[in-house]
Amino acid sequence: MRKMISWGLCILVVIFLVAPAVAFGQEKAPAPTSKAAPPAPSAEKAPAKEAAPLPDPKQVLQRMGDFLKNQPQFSFKAEVADDRVYRGGRKLQYGLDMEAFFRRPDKLRLNGDGDLENKQFFFDGKTLILYDKDKNFFGAIEVAGDYDAALDKASKDFGLHVGLAELGANRLLEHAQQGLTNALYVGLHKVRGVPCHHLAFDKEKVHYQLWIDAGDKPLLRKVVITQKKLPSAPQWSAYLTDWNFSPQLADNLFTFAPPPGAQKIDFLPAKKAAAPAPKGAKPVKKTKKKGGES
């Protein structure tokens, strides 16, 4: 993580003592001496105030997670910027407008309309569906339970991660804090005029920053995710607006109705890493049999 250093200005004040002027010429009788006035009592210095301790970034994150977890339903919009790396390690940034709708415990919908992709994501408590509007095809994953279970299955079995979908998850904090190697409270900074707690976190592969509203409602206002291990460290960022905690969400909002001509495809399973060979094991050599068989 790049360190930001704030340099203070050091001001050196030099006081020159000027000696009293001496009159040259005829000497004068010395002026009558007067008793020196007693020195004024020196003012007592007020004790320096100790700086208030910075908030704990994990506690700020906890407050946001607890607040969202207690909301039976909510919606928001997001303006997303996504880096794509092309030849020579150069990066291009593309935009995406998102709408998100959550109703506990098992209803979720995301709409994404962007430069490179136009997709919709549904979960109705039984089936998770990802629909590509441009190509007019969709994939479906059968899974029962809340959307924690749906998101876990999509991630583990198919490597499918949908940005901002976890904001409605009951285990949001568990996911956010799992594998943390560093947590930092950066400061109180504004996002489009709203004072926010600026937090930074590190995991092995990603560095992410969160700006959480410092007001009565600890809402996520901005997020920036940096893929540290990928070439050129591309970023994914989002500004979150129009939070609504009493939206009118009809049941059919979370149900996918395939448009005419839509084609169903299968999700490819996620690649599983091969199990490492036990220590001390030697590779088996193939012996050549008679007749050229091995």
C-alpha atoms as a PDB file:
ATOM      1  CA  MET A   1       0.000   0.000   0.000  1.00  0.00           C
ATOM      2  CA  ARG A   2       1.318   3.318  -1.032  1.00  0.00           C
ATOM      3  CA  LYS A   3       2.122   5.436   1.995  1.00  0.00           C
ATOM      4  CA  MET A   4       0.978   9.029   2.010  1.00  0.00           C
ATOM      5  CA  ILE A   5       3.195  11.347   4.029  1.00  0.00           C
ATOM      6  CA  SER A   6       1.971  14.719   5.191  1.00  0.00           C
ATOM      7  CA  TRP A   7       4.783  17.209   5.434  1.00  0.00           C
ATOM      8  CA  GLY A   8       4.376  19.987   7.974  1.00  0.00           C
ATOM      9  CA  LEU A   9       6.014  23.401   7.628  1.00  0.00           C
ATOM     10  CA  CYS A  10       8.680  24.136  10.223  1.00  0.00           C
ATOM     11  CA  ILE A  11       8.875  27.878  10.954  1.00  0.00           C
ATOM     12  CA  LEU A  12      12.028  29.147  12.615  1.00  0.00           C
ATOM     13  CA  VAL A  13      11.511  32.491  14.354  1.00  0.00           C
ATOM     14  CA  VAL A  14      14.742  34.408  14.997  1.00  0.00           C
ATOM     15  CA  ILE A  15      14.527  37.274  17.464  1.00  0.00           C
ATOM     16  CA  PHE A  16      17.230  39.941  17.177  1.00  0.00           C
ATOM     17  CA  LEU A  17      17.983  41.827  20.414  1.00  0.00           C
ATOM     18  CA  VAL A  18      18.822  45.480  19.645  1.00  0.00           C
ATOM     19  CA  ALA A  19      21.169  47.213  22.145  1.00  0.00           C
ATOM     20  CA  PRO A  20      20.071  50.691  23.425  1.00  0.00           C
ATOM     21  CA  ALA A  21      21.689  53.625  21.587  1.00  0.00           C
ATOM     22  CA  VAL A  22      24.648  55.428  23.296  1.00  0.00           C
ATOM     23  CA  ALA A  23      24.874  59.301  23.118  1.00  0.00           C
ATOM     24  CA  PHE A  24      28.378  60.477  22.171  1.00  0.00           C
ATOM     25  CA  GLY A  25      29.623  63.958  23.247  1.00  0.00           C
ATOM     26  CA  GLN A  26      29.137  65.798  26.531  1.00  0.00           C
ATOM     27  CA  GLU A  27      28.639  63.574  29.479  1.00  0.00           C
ATOM     28  CA  LYS A  28      25.503  63.957  31.451  1.00  0.00           C
ATOM     29  CA  ALA A  29      24.868  63.305  35.077  1.00  0.00           C
ATOM     30  CA  PRO A  30      23.507  59.900  35.595  1.00  0.00           C
ATOM     31  CA  ALA A  31      19.777  59.788  35.971  1.00  0.00           C
ATOM     32  CA  PRO A  32      18.490  58.932  39.399  1.00  0.00           C
ATOM     33  CA  THR A  33      18.039  55.278  39.789  1.00  0.00           C
ATOM     34  CA  SER A  34      14.671  53.864  40.565  1.00  0.00           C
ATOM     35  CA  LYS A  35      13.857  50.654  42.242  1.00  0.00           C
ATOM     36  CA  ALA A  36      13.290  47.887  39.770  1.00  0.00           C
ATOM     37  CA  ALA A  37       9.712  46.728  39.575  1.00  0.00           C
ATOM     38  CA  PRO A  38       9.218  43.155  40.647  1.00  0.00           C
ATOM     39  CA  PRO A  39       8.915  40.825  37.682  1.00  0.00           C
ATOM     40  CA  ALA A  40       5.400  39.978  36.662  1.00  0.00           C
ATOM     41  CA  PRO A  41       4.428  36.493  37.585  1.00  0.00           C
ATOM     42  CA  SER A  42       4.739  34.219  34.597  1.00  0.00           C
ATOM     43  CA  ALA A  43       1.482  32.897  33.249  1.00  0.00           C
ATOM     44  CA  GLU A  44       1.028  29.217  33.811  1.00  0.00           C
ATOM     45  CA  LYS A  45       0.894  27.242  30.589  1.00  0.00           C
ATOM     46  CA  ALA A  46      -2.280  25.292  30.027  1.00  0.00           C
ATOM     47  CA  PRO A  47      -1.626  21.600  29.687  1.00  0.00           C
ATOM     48  CA  ALA A  48      -1.601  20.463  26.061  1.00  0.00           C
ATOM     49  CA  LYS A  49      -4.704  18.613  25.036  1.00  0.00           C
ATOM     50  CA  GLU A  50      -4.164  15.056  23.918  1.00  0.00           C
ATOM     51  CA  ALA A  51      -5.323  14.304  20.404  1.00  0.00           C
ATOM     52  CA  ALA A  52      -8.452  12.184  20.259  1.00  0.00           C
ATOM     53  CA  PRO A  53      -7.703   8.592  19.222  1.00  0.00           C
ATOM     54  CA  LEU A  54      -8.604   7.691  15.655  1.00  0.00           C
ATOM     55  CA  PRO A  55     -11.629   5.451  15.171  1.00  0.00           C
ATOM     56  CA  ASP A  56     -10.978   1.751  14.754  1.00  0.00           C
ATOM     57  CA  PRO A  57     -11.539   0.953  11.039  1.00  0.00           C
ATOM     58  CA  LYS A  58     -12.944  -2.478  11.863  1.00  0.00           C
ATOM     59  CA  GLN A  59     -15.469  -0.968  14.264  1.00  0.00           C
ATOM     60  CA  VAL A  60     -16.579   1.554  11.614  1.00  0.00           C
ATOM     61  CA  LEU A  61     -17.018  -1.321   9.181  1.00  0.00           C
ATOM     62  CA  GLN A  62     -18.906  -3.287  11.870  1.00  0.00           C
ATOM     63  CA  ARG A  63     -21.316  -0.401  12.376  1.00  0.00           C
ATOM     64  CA  MET A  64     -22.094  -0.270   8.653  1.00  0.00           C
ATOM     65  CA  GLY A  65     -22.622  -4.033   8.483  1.00  0.00           C
ATOM     66  CA  ASP A  66     -24.906  -4.086  11.522  1.00  0.00           C
ATOM     67  CA  PHE A  67     -26.984  -1.238  10.149  1.00  0.00           C
ATOM     68  CA  LEU A  68     -27.547  -2.907   6.767  1.00  0.00           C
ATOM     69  CA  LYS A  69     -28.215  -6.277   8.392  1.00  0.00           C
ATOM     70  CA  ASN A  70     -31.113  -4.750  10.338  1.00  0.00           C
ATOM     71  CA  GLN A  71     -32.827  -3.378   7.231  1.00  0.00           C
ATOM     72  CA  PRO A  72     -35.580  -5.706   5.935  1.00  0.00           C
ATOM     73  CA  GLN A  73     -35.317  -4.211   2.468  1.00  0.00           C
ATOM     74  CA  PHE A  74     -33.392  -1.476   0.676  1.00  0.00           C
ATOM     75  CA  SER A  75     -32.208  -0.260  -2.693  1.00  0.00           C
ATOM     76  CA  PHE A  76     -29.492   1.997  -4.088  1.00  0.00           C
ATOM     77  CA  LYS A  77     -27.834   3.096  -7.311  1.00  0.00           C
ATOM     78  CA  ALA A  78     -24.147   2.969  -8.184  1.00  0.00           C
ATOM     79  CA  GLU A  79     -21.877   4.598 -10.750  1.00  0.00           C
ATOM     80  CA  VAL A  80     -19.135   2.092 -11.500  1.00  0.00           C
ATOM     81  CA  ALA A  81     -15.756   2.578 -13.179  1.00  0.00           C
ATOM     82  CA  ASP A  82     -13.868  -0.539 -14.247  1.00  0.00           C
ATOM     83  CA  ASP A  83     -10.257  -0.730 -15.482  1.00  0.00           C
ATOM     84  CA  ARG A  84      -9.387  -3.071 -18.339  1.00  0.00           C
ATOM     85  CA  VAL A  85      -5.746  -3.791 -19.142  1.00  0.00           C
ATOM     86  CA  TYR A  86      -4.667  -4.160 -22.740  1.00  0.00           C
ATOM     87  CA  ARG A  87      -1.369  -4.468 -24.613  1.00  0.00           C
ATOM     88  CA  GLY A  88       1.730  -3.030 -22.996  1.00  0.00           C
ATOM     89  CA  GLY A  89       0.117  -2.887 -19.551  1.00  0.00           C
ATOM     90  CA  ARG A  90      -1.992   0.131 -20.494  1.00  0.00           C
ATOM     91  CA  LYS A  91      -5.352   0.637 -18.838  1.00  0.00           C
ATOM     92  CA  LEU A  92      -8.695   1.817 -20.167  1.00  0.00           C
ATOM     93  CA  GLN A  93     -11.612   2.723 -17.915  1.00  0.00           C
ATOM     94  CA  TYR A  94     -15.212   1.829 -18.722  1.00  0.00           C
ATOM     95  CA  GLY A  95     -18.419   2.861 -16.995  1.00  0.00           C
ATOM     96  CA  LEU A  96     -21.444   0.974 -15.681  1.00  0.00           C
ATOM     97  CA  ASP A  97     -24.668   2.212 -14.081  1.00  0.00           C
ATOM     98  CA  MET A  98     -26.157  -0.147 -11.507  1.00  0.00           C
ATOM     99  CA  GLU A  99     -29.434  -0.512  -9.644  1.00  0.00           C
ATOM    100  CA  ALA A 100     -29.625  -2.855  -6.647  1.00  0.00           C
ATOM    101  CA  PHE A 101     -32.705  -4.196  -4.828  1.00  0.00           C
ATOM    102  CA  PHE A 102     -32.630  -6.354  -1.674  1.00  0.00           C
ATOM    103  CA  ARG A 103     -35.446  -7.929   0.337  1.00  0.00           C
ATOM    104  CA  ARG A 104     -34.552 -10.243   3.179  1.00  0.00           C
ATOM    105  CA  PRO A 105     -34.058 -13.088   3.486  1.00  0.00           C
ATOM    106  CA  ASP A 106     -33.898 -14.376  -0.068  1.00  0.00           C
ATOM    107  CA  LYS A 107     -34.714 -11.775  -2.733  1.00  0.00           C
ATOM    108  CA  LEU A 108     -32.075  -9.952  -4.767  1.00  0.00           C
ATOM    109  CA  ARG A 109     -31.854  -8.167  -8.097  1.00  0.00           C
ATOM    110  CA  LEU A 110     -29.111  -6.137  -9.766  1.00  0.00           C
ATOM    111  CA  ASN A 111     -29.353  -4.291 -13.087  1.00  0.00           C
ATOM    112  CA  GLY A 112     -26.190  -3.230 -14.879  1.00  0.00           C
ATOM    113  CA  ASP A 113     -26.096  -1.025 -17.983  1.00  0.00           C
ATOM    114  CA  GLY A 114     -22.595  -0.120 -19.153  1.00  0.00           C
ATOM    115  CA  ASP A 115     -20.091   0.501 -21.906  1.00  0.00           C
ATOM    116  CA  LEU A 116     -19.054  -3.140 -22.238  1.00  0.00           C
ATOM    117  CA  GLU A 117     -21.888  -5.146 -20.724  1.00  0.00           C
ATOM    118  CA  ASN A 118     -25.581  -5.024 -19.980  1.00  0.00           C
ATOM    119  CA  LYS A 119     -26.551  -7.716 -17.493  1.00  0.00           C
ATOM    120  CA  GLN A 120     -29.156  -8.553 -14.875  1.00  0.00           C
ATOM    121  CA  PHE A 121     -28.721 -10.687 -11.772  1.00  0.00           C
ATOM    122  CA  PHE A 122     -31.696 -12.348 -10.038  1.00  0.00           C
ATOM    123  CA  PHE A 123     -32.301 -14.502  -6.993  1.00  0.00           C
ATOM    124  CA  ASP A 124     -35.842 -15.446  -5.953  1.00  0.00           C
ATOM    125  CA  GLY A 125     -35.033 -17.858  -3.114  1.00  0.00           C
ATOM    126  CA  LYS A 126     -34.758 -20.914  -5.384  1.00  0.00           C
ATOM    127  CA  THR A 127     -32.808 -19.997  -8.503  1.00  0.00           C
ATOM    128  CA  LEU A 128     -29.924 -17.643  -9.153  1.00  0.00           C
ATOM    129  CA  ILE A 129     -29.865 -16.270 -12.702  1.00  0.00           C
ATOM    130  CA  LEU A 130     -27.400 -14.134 -14.641  1.00  0.00           C
ATOM    131  CA  TYR A 131     -28.855 -12.704 -17.861  1.00  0.00           C
ATOM    132  CA  ASP A 132     -26.813 -11.075 -20.640  1.00  0.00           C
ATOM    133  CA  LYS A 133     -29.094  -8.599 -22.402  1.00  0.00           C
ATOM    134  CA  ASP A 134     -26.756  -7.964 -25.346  1.00  0.00           C
ATOM    135  CA  LYS A 135     -26.288 -11.654 -26.217  1.00  0.00           C
ATOM    136  CA  ASN A 136     -29.764 -12.690 -25.021  1.00  0.00           C
ATOM    137  CA  PHE A 137     -28.661 -15.727 -23.061  1.00  0.00           C
ATOM    138  CA  PHE A 138     -28.821 -16.657 -19.396  1.00  0.00           C
ATOM    139  CA  GLY A 139     -27.379 -19.124 -16.928  1.00  0.00           C
ATOM    140  CA  ALA A 140     -29.212 -20.567 -13.929  1.00  0.00           C
ATOM    141  CA  ILE A 141     -28.025 -22.104 -10.654  1.00  0.00           C
ATOM    142  CA  GLU A 142     -30.518 -23.982  -8.501  1.00  0.00           C
ATOM    143  CA  VAL A 143     -29.909 -23.227  -4.824  1.00  0.00           C
ATOM    144  CA  ALA A 144     -32.266 -23.092  -1.852  1.00  0.00           C
ATOM    145  CA  GLY A 145     -31.901 -20.759   1.127  1.00  0.00           C
ATOM    146  CA  ASP A 146     -31.049 -17.096   1.622  1.00  0.00           C
ATOM    147  CA  TYR A 147     -28.811 -15.107  -0.688  1.00  0.00           C
ATOM    148  CA  ASP A 148     -25.802 -15.837   1.518  1.00  0.00           C
ATOM    149  CA  ALA A 149     -26.144 -19.445   0.377  1.00  0.00           C
ATOM    150  CA  ALA A 150     -26.709 -18.394  -3.227  1.00  0.00           C
ATOM    151  CA  LEU A 151     -23.666 -16.118  -3.345  1.00  0.00           C
ATOM    152  CA  ASP A 152     -21.479 -18.731  -1.636  1.00  0.00           C
ATOM    153  CA  LYS A 153     -22.457 -21.393  -4.161  1.00  0.00           C
ATOM    154  CA  ALA A 154     -21.954 -19.052  -7.114  1.00  0.00           C
ATOM    155  CA  SER A 155     -18.494 -18.112  -5.841  1.00  0.00           C
ATOM    156  CA  LYS A 156     -17.195 -21.534  -4.771  1.00  0.00           C
ATOM    157  CA  ASP A 157     -18.655 -23.696  -7.526  1.00  0.00           C
ATOM    158  CA  PHE A 158     -18.565 -21.346 -10.500  1.00  0.00           C
ATOM    159  CA  GLY A 159     -16.176 -18.511  -9.609  1.00  0.00           C
ATOM    160  CA  LEU A 160     -18.993 -15.996 -10.093  1.00  0.00           C
ATOM    161  CA  HIS A 161     -18.608 -12.712  -8.189  1.00  0.00           C
ATOM    162  CA  VAL A 162     -21.117  -9.906  -8.661  1.00  0.00           C
ATOM    163  CA  GLY A 163     -20.044  -6.444  -7.511  1.00  0.00           C
ATOM    164  CA  LEU A 164     -21.960  -4.991  -4.524  1.00  0.00           C
ATOM    165  CA  ALA A 165     -24.228  -8.056  -4.216  1.00  0.00           C
ATOM    166  CA  GLU A 166     -22.734  -8.899  -0.813  1.00  0.00           C
ATOM    167  CA  LEU A 167     -24.038  -5.671   0.756  1.00  0.00           C
ATOM    168  CA  GLY A 168     -27.236  -7.526   1.558  1.00  0.00           C
ATOM    169  CA  ALA A 169     -25.547 -10.649   2.890  1.00  0.00           C
ATOM    170  CA  ASN A 170     -25.926 -11.563   6.564  1.00  0.00           C
ATOM    171  CA  ARG A 171     -22.236 -12.520   6.614  1.00  0.00           C
ATOM    172  CA  LEU A 172     -21.077  -9.278   5.022  1.00  0.00           C
ATOM    173  CA  LEU A 173     -18.577  -8.548   7.799  1.00  0.00           C
ATOM    174  CA  GLU A 174     -17.245 -12.101   7.753  1.00  0.00           C
ATOM    175  CA  HIS A 175     -16.521 -11.816   4.043  1.00  0.00           C
ATOM    176  CA  ALA A 176     -15.072  -8.311   4.340  1.00  0.00           C
ATOM    177  CA  GLN A 177     -12.688  -9.164   7.195  1.00  0.00           C
ATOM    178  CA  GLN A 178     -11.655 -12.646   6.138  1.00  0.00           C
ATOM    179  CA  GLY A 179      -7.950 -12.794   5.328  1.00  0.00           C
ATOM    180  CA  LEU A 180      -7.192  -9.181   6.306  1.00  0.00           C
ATOM    181  CA  THR A 181      -3.493  -8.380   6.611  1.00  0.00           C
ATOM    182  CA  ASN A 182      -3.830  -4.651   7.328  1.00  0.00           C
ATOM    183  CA  ALA A 183      -6.522  -2.170   8.355  1.00  0.00           C
ATOM    184  CA  LEU A 184      -6.136   1.622   8.373  1.00  0.00           C
ATOM    185  CA  TYR A 185      -8.308   4.581   9.339  1.00  0.00           C
ATOM    186  CA  VAL A 186      -7.253   7.202   6.784  1.00  0.00           C
ATOM    187  CA  GLY A 187      -9.302  10.185   7.930  1.00  0.00           C
ATOM    188  CA  LEU A 188     -12.573  12.066   7.668  1.00  0.00           C
ATOM    189  CA  HIS A 189     -12.950  12.910   3.971  1.00  0.00           C
ATOM    190  CA  LYS A 190     -15.849  14.038   1.803  1.00  0.00           C
ATOM    191  CA  VAL A 191     -17.523  12.116  -0.990  1.00  0.00           C
ATOM    192  CA  ARG A 192     -19.507  14.515  -3.127  1.00  0.00           C
ATOM    193  CA  GLY A 193     -19.921  16.823  -0.165  1.00  0.00           C
ATOM    194  CA  VAL A 194     -20.802  14.132   2.393  1.00  0.00           C
ATOM    195  CA  PRO A 195     -18.306  13.673   5.293  1.00  0.00           C
ATOM    196  CA  CYS A 196     -17.208  10.050   5.377  1.00  0.00           C
ATOM    197  CA  HIS A 197     -14.890   7.768   7.324  1.00  0.00           C
ATOM    198  CA  HIS A 198     -12.179   6.814   4.837  1.00  0.00           C
ATOM    199  CA  LEU A 199     -10.930   3.275   5.512  1.00  0.00           C
ATOM    200  CA  ALA A 200      -8.296   1.110   3.809  1.00  0.00           C
ATOM    201  CA  PHE A 201      -7.868  -2.659   4.046  1.00  0.00           C
ATOM    202  CA  ASP A 202      -5.427  -5.160   2.600  1.00  0.00           C
ATOM    203  CA  LYS A 203      -5.800  -8.813   1.729  1.00  0.00           C
ATOM    204  CA  GLU A 204      -3.334 -11.030  -0.056  1.00  0.00           C
ATOM    205  CA  LYS A 205      -4.594 -10.249  -3.547  1.00  0.00           C
ATOM    206  CA  VAL A 206      -6.636  -7.079  -3.153  1.00  0.00           C
ATOM    207  CA  HIS A 207      -6.435  -3.667  -1.548  1.00  0.00           C
ATOM    208  CA  TYR A 208      -9.749  -1.955  -0.982  1.00  0.00           C
ATOM    209  CA  GLN A 209     -10.859   1.424   0.301  1.00  0.00           C
ATOM    210  CA  LEU A 210     -14.268   2.294   1.722  1.00  0.00           C
ATOM    211  CA  TRP A 211     -15.881   5.657   2.403  1.00  0.00           C
ATOM    212  CA  ILE A 212     -18.654   5.227   4.992  1.00  0.00           C
ATOM    213  CA  ASP A 213     -21.054   8.055   5.822  1.00  0.00           C
ATOM    214  CA  ALA A 214     -20.097   9.683   9.137  1.00  0.00           C
ATOM    215  CA  GLY A 215     -23.690  10.742   9.854  1.00  0.00           C
ATOM    216  CA  ASP A 216     -26.523   8.925  11.614  1.00  0.00           C
ATOM    217  CA  LYS A 217     -26.751   6.264   8.913  1.00  0.00           C
ATOM    218  CA  PRO A 218     -23.396   4.575   8.210  1.00  0.00           C
ATOM    219  CA  LEU A 219     -23.985   4.093   4.488  1.00  0.00           C
ATOM    220  CA  LEU A 220     -21.336   3.077   2.011  1.00  0.00           C
ATOM    221  CA  ARG A 221     -20.757   6.057  -0.272  1.00  0.00           C
ATOM    222  CA  LYS A 222     -17.714   4.950  -2.257  1.00  0.00           C
ATOM    223  CA  VAL A 223     -15.548   1.867  -2.739  1.00  0.00           C
ATOM    224  CA  VAL A 224     -12.284   1.344  -4.633  1.00  0.00           C
ATOM    225  CA  ILE A 225     -10.852  -2.162  -5.130  1.00  0.00           C
ATOM    226  CA  THR A 226      -7.312  -2.656  -6.472  1.00  0.00           C
ATOM    227  CA  GLN A 227      -6.230  -6.058  -7.796  1.00  0.00           C
ATOM    228  CA  LYS A 228      -2.673  -6.092  -6.477  1.00  0.00           C
ATOM    229  CA  LYS A 229      -1.585  -9.349  -8.093  1.00  0.00           C
ATOM    230  CA  LEU A 230      -2.880  -8.691 -11.607  1.00  0.00           C
ATOM    231  CA  PRO A 231      -0.731  -6.956 -14.245  1.00  0.00           C
ATOM    232  CA  SER A 232      -0.917  -3.145 -13.962  1.00  0.00           C
ATOM    233  CA  ALA A 233      -3.072  -3.460 -10.794  1.00  0.00           C
ATOM    234  CA  PRO A 234      -6.483  -2.603 -12.329  1.00  0.00           C
ATOM    235  CA  GLN A 235      -9.096  -0.894 -10.149  1.00  0.00           C
ATOM    236  CA  TRP A 236     -12.841  -1.244  -9.756  1.00  0.00           C
ATOM    237  CA  SER A 237     -14.626   1.679  -8.115  1.00  0.00           C
ATOM    238  CA  ALA A 238     -18.194   2.728  -7.388  1.00  0.00           C
ATOM    239  CA  TYR A 239     -20.095   5.740  -6.047  1.00  0.00           C
ATOM    240  CA  LEU A 240     -23.287   4.681  -4.228  1.00  0.00           C
ATOM    241  CA  THR A 241     -26.291   7.024  -4.241  1.00  0.00           C
ATOM    242  CA  ASP A 242     -30.078   7.123  -3.797  1.00  0.00           C
ATOM    243  CA  TRP A 243     -30.233   4.811  -0.779  1.00  0.00           C
ATOM    244  CA  ASN A 244     -33.852   3.890  -0.019  1.00  0.00           C
ATOM    245  CA  PHE A 245     -34.966   1.824   2.995  1.00  0.00           C
ATOM    246  CA  SER A 246     -38.680   1.754   2.227  1.00  0.00           C
ATOM    247  CA  PRO A 247     -38.850   0.880  -1.477  1.00  0.00           C
ATOM    248  CA  GLN A 248     -41.943  -0.660  -3.035  1.00  0.00           C
ATOM    249  CA  LEU A 249     -40.597  -4.022  -4.240  1.00  0.00           C
ATOM    250  CA  ALA A 250     -43.071  -6.294  -5.988  1.00  0.00           C
ATOM    251  CA  ASP A 251     -42.484 -10.059  -6.001  1.00  0.00           C
ATOM    252  CA  ASN A 252     -42.128 -10.207  -9.790  1.00  0.00           C
ATOM    253  CA  LEU A 253     -39.182  -7.805  -9.585  1.00  0.00           C
ATOM    254  CA  PHE A 254     -37.046 -10.735  -8.444  1.00  0.00           C
ATOM    255  CA  THR A 255     -38.417 -13.275 -10.940  1.00  0.00           C
ATOM    256  CA  PHE A 256     -36.726 -13.736 -14.298  1.00  0.00           C
ATOM    257  CA  ALA A 257     -38.983 -14.127 -17.332  1.00  0.00           C
ATOM    258  CA  PRO A 258     -36.871 -15.122 -20.368  1.00  0.00           C
ATOM    259  CA  PRO A 259     -37.411 -12.730 -23.295  1.00  0.00           C
ATOM    260  CA  PRO A 260     -38.360 -14.168 -26.700  1.00  0.00           C
ATOM    261  CA  GLY A 261     -35.459 -16.086 -28.222  1.00  0.00           C
ATOM    262  CA  ALA A 262     -33.389 -16.117 -25.013  1.00  0.00           C
ATOM    263  CA  GLN A 263     -31.035 -19.092 -24.858  1.00  0.00           C
ATOM    264  CA  LYS A 264     -30.158 -20.939 -21.664  1.00  0.00           C
ATOM    265  CA  ILE A 265     -26.501 -21.870 -21.212  1.00  0.00           C
ATOM    266  CA  ASP A 266     -24.575 -23.713 -18.505  1.00  0.00           C
ATOM    267  CA  PHE A 267     -22.177 -22.041 -16.105  1.00  0.00           C
ATOM    268  CA  LEU A 268     -18.668 -23.439 -16.351  1.00  0.00           C
ATOM    269  CA  PRO A 269     -17.494 -24.881 -13.005  1.00  0.00           C
ATOM    270  CA  ALA A 270     -14.649 -23.063 -11.285  1.00  0.00           C
ATOM    271  CA  LYS A 271     -11.214 -24.596 -11.769  1.00  0.00           C
ATOM    272  CA  LYS A 272     -10.025 -26.349  -8.644  1.00  0.00           C
ATOM    273  CA  ALA A 273      -6.358 -26.257  -7.758  1.00  0.00           C
ATOM    274  CA  ALA A 274      -4.645 -29.632  -7.931  1.00  0.00           C
ATOM    275  CA  ALA A 275      -3.823 -31.163  -4.543  1.00  0.00           C
ATOM    276  CA  PRO A 276      -0.097 -30.872  -3.757  1.00  0.00           C
ATOM    277  CA  ALA A 277       1.918 -34.092  -3.782  1.00  0.00           C
ATOM    278  CA  PRO A 278       2.801 -35.422  -0.304  1.00  0.00           C
ATOM    279  CA  LYS A 279       6.257 -34.540   0.936  1.00  0.00           C
ATOM    280  CA  GLY A 280       8.911 -37.088   0.117  1.00  0.00           C
ATOM    281  CA  ALA A 281       6.893 -38.657  -2.659  1.00  0.00           C
ATOM    282  CA  LYS A 282       8.890 -39.409  -5.775  1.00  0.00           C
ATOM    283  CA  PRO A 283       7.415 -39.135  -9.248  1.00  0.00           C
ATOM    284  CA  VAL A 284       6.445 -42.477 -10.729  1.00  0.00           C
ATOM    285  CA  LYS A 285       8.539 -43.356 -13.757  1.00  0.00           C
ATOM    286  CA  LYS A 286       6.798 -45.017 -16.632  1.00  0.00           C
ATOM    287  CA  THR A 287       8.463 -48.217 -17.780  1.00  0.00           C
ATOM    288  CA  LYS A 288       8.460 -49.134 -21.376  1.00  0.00           C
ATOM    289  CA  LYS A 289       6.972 -52.527 -22.044  1.00  0.00           C
ATOM    290  CA  LYS A 290       7.725 -54.885 -24.849  1.00  0.00           C
ATOM    291  CA  GLY A 291       6.002 -54.073 -28.091  1.00  0.00           C
ATOM    292  CA  GLY A 292       6.342 -50.326 -27.526  1.00  0.00           C
ATOM    293  CA  GLU A 293       3.527 -50.093 -24.946  1.00  0.00           C
ATOM    294  CA  SER A 294       4.069 -48.031 -21.821  1.00  0.00           C
END
